[in-house]
């Protein structure tokens, strides 16, 4: 079992998970609504999060996510919550 922690300007929450899960889905389970507009298809970039810890437990960015991150000029440690799959403890935030 591992724990995913989420923080926004309005709320904080945690989700305990037993198997690999997308950060966006886990945030909903934790009761923390991350901004997202395209339904998790790596098209809009609104679910951009900053990974505070546990980046080593996330899947590698695939081509679609990498393209959006480049367009957004994302900083190191930022990922799309809809595309980043966790398999261990991760803490992230969204402004």
N, C-alpha and C. Protein backbone atom coordinates (compact mmCIF):
# COMPACT_ATOMS: atom_id res chain seq x y z
N UNK A 1 0.85 -1.18 0.00
CA UNK A 1 0.00 0.00 0.00
C UNK A 1 0.89 1.24 0.00
N UNK A 2 0.46 2.27 -0.72
CA UNK A 2 1.20 3.52 -0.75
C UNK A 2 0.21 4.68 -0.63
N UNK A 3 0.76 5.87 -0.34
CA UNK A 3 -0.08 7.04 -0.09
C UNK A 3 0.25 8.14 -1.10
N UNK A 4 -0.79 8.72 -1.67
CA UNK A 4 -0.66 9.88 -2.56
C UNK A 4 -1.26 11.07 -1.85
N UNK A 5 -0.49 12.15 -1.75
CA UNK A 5 -0.93 13.36 -1.05
C UNK A 5 -1.08 14.49 -2.05
N UNK A 6 -2.14 15.27 -1.87
CA UNK A 6 -2.46 16.36 -2.78
C UNK A 6 -2.71 17.64 -2.00
N UNK A 7 -2.29 18.76 -2.59
CA UNK A 7 -2.49 20.05 -1.95
C UNK A 7 -2.82 21.09 -3.02
N UNK A 8 -3.90 21.83 -2.80
CA UNK A 8 -4.25 22.98 -3.63
C UNK A 8 -4.37 24.19 -2.71
N UNK A 9 -4.66 25.32 -3.28
CA UNK A 9 -4.82 26.51 -2.44
C UNK A 9 -6.05 26.41 -1.54
N UNK A 10 -6.97 25.50 -1.87
CA UNK A 10 -8.21 25.37 -1.11
C UNK A 10 -8.31 24.14 -0.22
N UNK A 11 -7.54 23.09 -0.54
CA UNK A 11 -7.75 21.84 0.18
C UNK A 11 -6.52 20.94 0.12
N UNK A 12 -6.42 20.05 1.10
CA UNK A 12 -5.40 19.02 1.12
C UNK A 12 -6.07 17.68 1.36
N UNK A 13 -5.47 16.62 0.84
CA UNK A 13 -6.03 15.29 1.05
C UNK A 13 -5.04 14.21 0.71
N UNK A 14 -5.40 12.99 1.12
CA UNK A 14 -4.55 11.82 0.88
C UNK A 14 -5.41 10.66 0.40
N UNK A 15 -4.82 9.85 -0.44
CA UNK A 15 -5.49 8.63 -0.90
C UNK A 15 -4.54 7.46 -0.70
N UNK A 16 -5.03 6.41 -0.08
CA UNK A 16 -4.25 5.18 0.06
C UNK A 16 -4.58 4.30 -1.13
N UNK A 17 -3.54 3.80 -1.78
CA UNK A 17 -3.72 3.01 -3.00
C UNK A 17 -2.99 1.68 -2.91
N UNK A 18 -3.55 0.70 -3.57
CA UNK A 18 -2.94 -0.63 -3.58
C UNK A 18 -2.33 -0.97 -4.92
N UNK A 19 -2.72 -0.26 -5.97
CA UNK A 19 -2.17 -0.53 -7.30
C UNK A 19 -1.94 0.79 -8.03
N UNK A 20 -1.20 0.71 -9.12
CA UNK A 20 -0.84 1.89 -9.90
C UNK A 20 -2.09 2.66 -10.29
N UNK A 21 -2.01 3.99 -10.17
CA UNK A 21 -3.17 4.84 -10.43
C UNK A 21 -2.71 6.20 -10.94
N UNK A 22 -3.51 6.82 -11.80
CA UNK A 22 -3.21 8.17 -12.29
C UNK A 22 -3.41 9.16 -11.15
N UNK A 23 -2.55 10.16 -11.08
CA UNK A 23 -2.66 11.16 -10.03
C UNK A 23 -4.04 11.84 -10.04
N UNK A 24 -4.56 12.11 -11.22
CA UNK A 24 -5.86 12.78 -11.32
C UNK A 24 -6.97 11.94 -10.68
N UNK A 25 -6.99 10.65 -10.96
CA UNK A 25 -8.00 9.77 -10.37
C UNK A 25 -7.83 9.67 -8.87
N UNK A 26 -6.59 9.58 -8.42
CA UNK A 26 -6.33 9.47 -6.98
C UNK A 26 -6.70 10.76 -6.25
N UNK A 27 -6.53 11.91 -6.90
CA UNK A 27 -6.89 13.17 -6.24
C UNK A 27 -8.39 13.22 -5.98
N UNK A 28 -9.17 12.73 -6.91
CA UNK A 28 -10.62 12.69 -6.73
C UNK A 28 -10.96 11.78 -5.55
N UNK A 29 -10.29 10.65 -5.48
CA UNK A 29 -10.50 9.72 -4.36
C UNK A 29 -10.13 10.37 -3.03
N UNK A 30 -9.12 11.27 -3.07
CA UNK A 30 -8.67 11.95 -1.85
C UNK A 30 -9.56 13.14 -1.50
N UNK A 31 -10.53 13.45 -2.37
CA UNK A 31 -11.42 14.58 -2.11
C UNK A 31 -10.82 15.92 -2.47
N UNK A 32 -9.76 15.91 -3.28
CA UNK A 32 -9.10 17.14 -3.71
C UNK A 32 -9.30 17.25 -5.22
N UNK A 33 -10.11 18.20 -5.63
CA UNK A 33 -10.40 18.37 -7.05
C UNK A 33 -9.30 19.19 -7.71
N UNK A 34 -8.50 18.52 -8.53
CA UNK A 34 -7.50 19.22 -9.32
C UNK A 34 -8.18 19.77 -10.57
N UNK A 35 -7.74 20.94 -11.00
CA UNK A 35 -8.28 21.53 -12.22
C UNK A 35 -7.98 20.60 -13.39
N UNK A 36 -8.98 20.34 -14.22
CA UNK A 36 -8.78 19.57 -15.45
C UNK A 36 -9.97 19.82 -16.36
N UNK A 37 -9.69 20.08 -17.62
CA UNK A 37 -10.77 20.44 -18.54
C UNK A 37 -10.97 19.47 -19.70
N UNK A 38 -9.93 18.73 -20.08
CA UNK A 38 -10.05 17.90 -21.28
C UNK A 38 -10.45 16.46 -20.97
N UNK A 39 -10.75 16.17 -19.73
CA UNK A 39 -11.17 14.82 -19.38
C UNK A 39 -10.04 13.82 -19.26
N UNK A 40 -8.84 14.31 -19.07
CA UNK A 40 -7.70 13.41 -18.86
C UNK A 40 -7.06 12.89 -20.13
N UNK A 41 -7.09 13.68 -21.20
CA UNK A 41 -6.55 13.24 -22.49
C UNK A 41 -5.26 13.94 -22.89
N UNK A 42 -4.61 14.62 -21.96
CA UNK A 42 -3.33 15.30 -22.22
C UNK A 42 -3.44 16.31 -23.35
N UNK A 43 -4.53 17.06 -23.36
CA UNK A 43 -4.71 18.06 -24.42
C UNK A 43 -4.68 19.49 -23.91
N UNK A 44 -5.12 19.71 -22.67
CA UNK A 44 -5.27 21.10 -22.22
C UNK A 44 -4.18 21.57 -21.27
N UNK A 45 -3.61 20.69 -20.51
CA UNK A 45 -2.56 21.07 -19.56
C UNK A 45 -3.04 21.68 -18.27
N UNK A 46 -4.35 21.73 -18.06
CA UNK A 46 -4.87 22.37 -16.84
C UNK A 46 -4.64 21.53 -15.59
N UNK A 47 -4.30 20.27 -15.73
CA UNK A 47 -4.06 19.42 -14.56
C UNK A 47 -2.58 19.39 -14.17
N UNK A 48 -1.83 20.36 -14.61
CA UNK A 48 -0.41 20.45 -14.29
C UNK A 48 -0.21 20.52 -12.77
N UNK A 49 0.63 19.64 -12.25
CA UNK A 49 0.95 19.63 -10.82
C UNK A 49 2.46 19.68 -10.65
N UNK A 50 2.87 20.13 -9.47
CA UNK A 50 4.28 20.12 -9.10
C UNK A 50 4.47 18.96 -8.14
N UNK A 51 5.37 18.07 -8.49
CA UNK A 51 5.65 16.91 -7.65
C UNK A 51 6.64 17.34 -6.57
N UNK A 52 6.18 17.31 -5.33
CA UNK A 52 7.00 17.73 -4.19
C UNK A 52 7.95 16.63 -3.75
N UNK A 53 7.48 15.39 -3.80
CA UNK A 53 8.32 14.24 -3.45
C UNK A 53 7.75 13.00 -4.11
N UNK A 54 8.62 12.02 -4.32
CA UNK A 54 8.19 10.75 -4.88
C UNK A 54 8.18 10.66 -6.39
N UNK A 55 8.84 11.58 -7.08
CA UNK A 55 8.85 11.55 -8.54
C UNK A 55 9.36 10.22 -9.09
N UNK A 56 10.23 9.57 -8.34
CA UNK A 56 10.77 8.28 -8.78
C UNK A 56 9.71 7.18 -8.82
N UNK A 57 8.55 7.44 -8.22
CA UNK A 57 7.46 6.46 -8.21
C UNK A 57 6.43 6.72 -9.30
N UNK A 58 6.74 7.65 -10.21
CA UNK A 58 5.82 7.99 -11.29
C UNK A 58 6.28 7.38 -12.61
N UNK A 59 5.30 7.10 -13.47
CA UNK A 59 5.60 6.62 -14.81
C UNK A 59 6.37 7.70 -15.56
N UNK A 60 7.10 7.29 -16.58
CA UNK A 60 7.81 8.24 -17.44
C UNK A 60 6.80 8.95 -18.34
N UNK A 61 7.02 10.23 -18.65
CA UNK A 61 6.09 10.92 -19.57
C UNK A 61 6.11 10.28 -20.95
N UNK A 62 4.93 10.04 -21.50
CA UNK A 62 4.81 9.55 -22.86
C UNK A 62 4.77 10.74 -23.81
N UNK A 63 4.74 10.49 -25.11
CA UNK A 63 4.84 11.55 -26.12
C UNK A 63 3.80 12.65 -25.96
N UNK A 64 2.54 12.28 -25.72
CA UNK A 64 1.48 13.29 -25.59
C UNK A 64 1.72 14.22 -24.42
N UNK A 65 2.07 13.65 -23.28
CA UNK A 65 2.35 14.48 -22.10
C UNK A 65 3.59 15.33 -22.33
N UNK A 66 4.63 14.75 -22.89
CA UNK A 66 5.87 15.50 -23.14
C UNK A 66 5.61 16.70 -24.04
N UNK A 67 4.75 16.51 -25.05
CA UNK A 67 4.42 17.60 -25.97
C UNK A 67 3.71 18.74 -25.22
N UNK A 68 2.73 18.40 -24.38
CA UNK A 68 2.00 19.43 -23.63
C UNK A 68 2.92 20.11 -22.63
N UNK A 69 3.76 19.35 -21.95
CA UNK A 69 4.70 19.95 -20.98
C UNK A 69 5.63 20.95 -21.68
N UNK A 70 6.04 20.62 -22.89
CA UNK A 70 6.92 21.53 -23.65
C UNK A 70 6.18 22.81 -24.02
N UNK A 71 4.95 22.67 -24.49
CA UNK A 71 4.14 23.84 -24.85
C UNK A 71 3.90 24.74 -23.64
N UNK A 72 3.67 24.12 -22.48
CA UNK A 72 3.42 24.87 -21.24
C UNK A 72 4.70 25.46 -20.64
N UNK A 73 5.85 25.04 -21.20
CA UNK A 73 7.14 25.43 -20.62
C UNK A 73 7.20 25.03 -19.15
N UNK A 74 6.80 23.78 -18.91
CA UNK A 74 6.76 23.24 -17.54
C UNK A 74 8.16 23.19 -16.95
N UNK A 75 8.22 23.40 -15.67
CA UNK A 75 9.47 23.35 -14.93
C UNK A 75 9.80 21.90 -14.59
N UNK A 76 11.07 21.61 -14.28
CA UNK A 76 11.40 20.25 -13.83
C UNK A 76 10.55 19.91 -12.60
N UNK A 77 10.06 18.70 -12.56
CA UNK A 77 9.23 18.27 -11.44
C UNK A 77 7.75 18.52 -11.65
N UNK A 78 7.38 19.08 -12.79
CA UNK A 78 5.96 19.27 -13.07
C UNK A 78 5.48 18.19 -14.02
N UNK A 79 4.27 17.70 -13.77
CA UNK A 79 3.67 16.64 -14.58
C UNK A 79 2.19 16.92 -14.78
N UNK A 80 1.61 16.25 -15.77
CA UNK A 80 0.17 16.30 -15.96
C UNK A 80 -0.43 15.20 -15.09
N UNK A 81 -1.33 15.57 -14.20
CA UNK A 81 -1.92 14.60 -13.27
C UNK A 81 -2.70 13.52 -14.00
N UNK A 82 -3.21 13.82 -15.17
CA UNK A 82 -3.98 12.82 -15.92
C UNK A 82 -3.08 11.77 -16.56
N UNK A 83 -1.81 12.07 -16.72
CA UNK A 83 -0.90 11.17 -17.42
C UNK A 83 0.14 10.52 -16.53
N UNK A 84 0.38 11.07 -15.35
CA UNK A 84 1.39 10.54 -14.44
C UNK A 84 0.76 9.47 -13.56
N UNK A 85 1.25 8.26 -13.69
CA UNK A 85 0.75 7.11 -12.92
C UNK A 85 1.71 6.81 -11.78
N UNK A 86 1.17 6.70 -10.58
CA UNK A 86 1.98 6.46 -9.38
C UNK A 86 1.95 4.99 -8.99
N UNK A 87 3.10 4.52 -8.52
CA UNK A 87 3.18 3.16 -8.00
C UNK A 87 3.88 3.14 -6.65
N UNK A 88 3.95 4.30 -6.01
CA UNK A 88 4.56 4.45 -4.69
C UNK A 88 4.17 5.81 -4.12
N UNK A 89 4.63 6.12 -2.92
CA UNK A 89 4.29 7.39 -2.26
C UNK A 89 4.69 8.59 -3.11
N UNK A 90 3.73 9.50 -3.31
CA UNK A 90 3.95 10.73 -4.07
C UNK A 90 3.19 11.85 -3.36
N UNK A 91 3.80 13.02 -3.34
CA UNK A 91 3.16 14.23 -2.82
C UNK A 91 3.23 15.28 -3.91
N UNK A 92 2.11 15.93 -4.21
CA UNK A 92 2.11 16.95 -5.25
C UNK A 92 1.16 18.09 -4.90
N UNK A 93 1.35 19.20 -5.59
CA UNK A 93 0.52 20.38 -5.35
C UNK A 93 0.12 21.00 -6.69
N UNK A 94 -0.96 21.77 -6.62
CA UNK A 94 -1.45 22.51 -7.79
C UNK A 94 -1.78 23.91 -7.35
N UNK A 95 -1.25 24.88 -8.06
CA UNK A 95 -1.52 26.29 -7.72
C UNK A 95 -2.88 26.73 -8.17
